[in-house]
């Protein structure tokens, strides 16, 4: 299975998240700040390697909590 990531909201958050194409693990490449963005919506697509490839997707919603800096 191969995984890919689409940022649904906000569009300018593309440089914050990455996904491992083999495991589907989502990682941060930087810091999140509640004062900038409090909610992220991501879509993970998964495609198998069959002769007729099948695919599916799920939505990941990440809420950033306000914690003292």
Protein backbone atom coordinates (compact mmCIF):
# COMPACT_ATOMS: atom_id res chain seq x y z
CA UNK A 1 0.00 0.00 0.00
CA UNK A 2 1.21 3.48 -0.86
CA UNK A 3 0.04 6.52 1.12
CA UNK A 4 -0.21 10.17 0.10
CA UNK A 5 -1.32 13.29 1.94
CA UNK A 6 -3.49 16.19 0.87
CA UNK A 7 -3.93 19.30 2.98
CA UNK A 8 -7.59 20.30 2.92
CA UNK A 9 -7.45 23.25 5.32
CA UNK A 10 -5.59 25.59 5.52
CA UNK A 11 -4.03 25.39 2.07
CA UNK A 12 -0.80 27.09 3.16
CA UNK A 13 0.01 24.27 5.63
CA UNK A 14 1.64 22.05 2.99
CA UNK A 15 5.12 22.47 4.47
CA UNK A 16 4.08 21.50 8.02
CA UNK A 17 3.08 17.84 7.50
CA UNK A 18 4.73 14.93 5.69
CA UNK A 19 3.64 11.31 5.32
CA UNK A 20 5.72 8.15 5.02
CA UNK A 21 4.59 6.61 1.71
CA UNK A 22 5.09 3.06 3.00
CA UNK A 23 3.76 3.17 6.57
CA UNK A 24 1.28 6.07 6.39
CA UNK A 25 2.84 7.75 9.45
CA UNK A 26 2.17 11.49 9.50
CA UNK A 27 4.92 13.70 10.94
CA UNK A 28 5.42 17.38 11.62
CA UNK A 29 8.23 19.27 9.94
CA UNK A 30 7.80 22.35 12.14
CA UNK A 31 5.97 23.73 15.13
CA UNK A 32 2.24 24.27 15.44
CA UNK A 33 0.94 27.45 17.06
CA UNK A 34 -2.64 27.71 18.32
CA UNK A 35 -2.58 31.47 17.75
CA UNK A 36 -1.85 30.97 14.02
CA UNK A 37 -4.10 28.00 13.19
CA UNK A 38 -6.26 26.06 15.64
CA UNK A 39 -7.52 23.31 13.32
CA UNK A 40 -6.04 21.35 10.40
CA UNK A 41 -7.92 19.06 8.03
CA UNK A 42 -5.87 16.48 6.14
CA UNK A 43 -6.85 13.72 3.75
CA UNK A 44 -4.84 10.50 3.56
CA UNK A 45 -5.14 8.47 0.36
CA UNK A 46 -4.10 4.81 0.27
CA UNK A 47 -3.59 2.83 -2.95
CA UNK A 48 -2.67 -0.83 -3.24
CA UNK A 49 -0.38 -2.29 -5.88
CA UNK A 50 -2.79 -4.78 -7.44
CA UNK A 51 -3.25 -5.29 -11.16
CA UNK A 52 -6.40 -3.24 -10.83
CA UNK A 53 -5.26 -0.85 -8.05
CA UNK A 54 -7.84 -0.07 -5.41
CA UNK A 55 -7.76 3.08 -3.35
CA UNK A 56 -9.42 4.59 -0.33
CA UNK A 57 -9.11 7.70 1.75
CA UNK A 58 -9.79 9.06 5.21
CA UNK A 59 -9.93 12.49 6.77
CA UNK A 60 -7.67 13.41 9.70
CA UNK A 61 -8.70 16.39 11.81
CA UNK A 62 -6.02 17.84 14.06
CA UNK A 63 -7.03 20.32 16.75
CA UNK A 64 -4.24 22.41 18.25
CA UNK A 65 -4.78 23.09 21.95
CA UNK A 66 -3.77 26.36 23.58
CA UNK A 67 -0.96 25.58 26.03
CA UNK A 68 1.25 28.10 27.75
CA UNK A 69 4.32 28.85 25.62
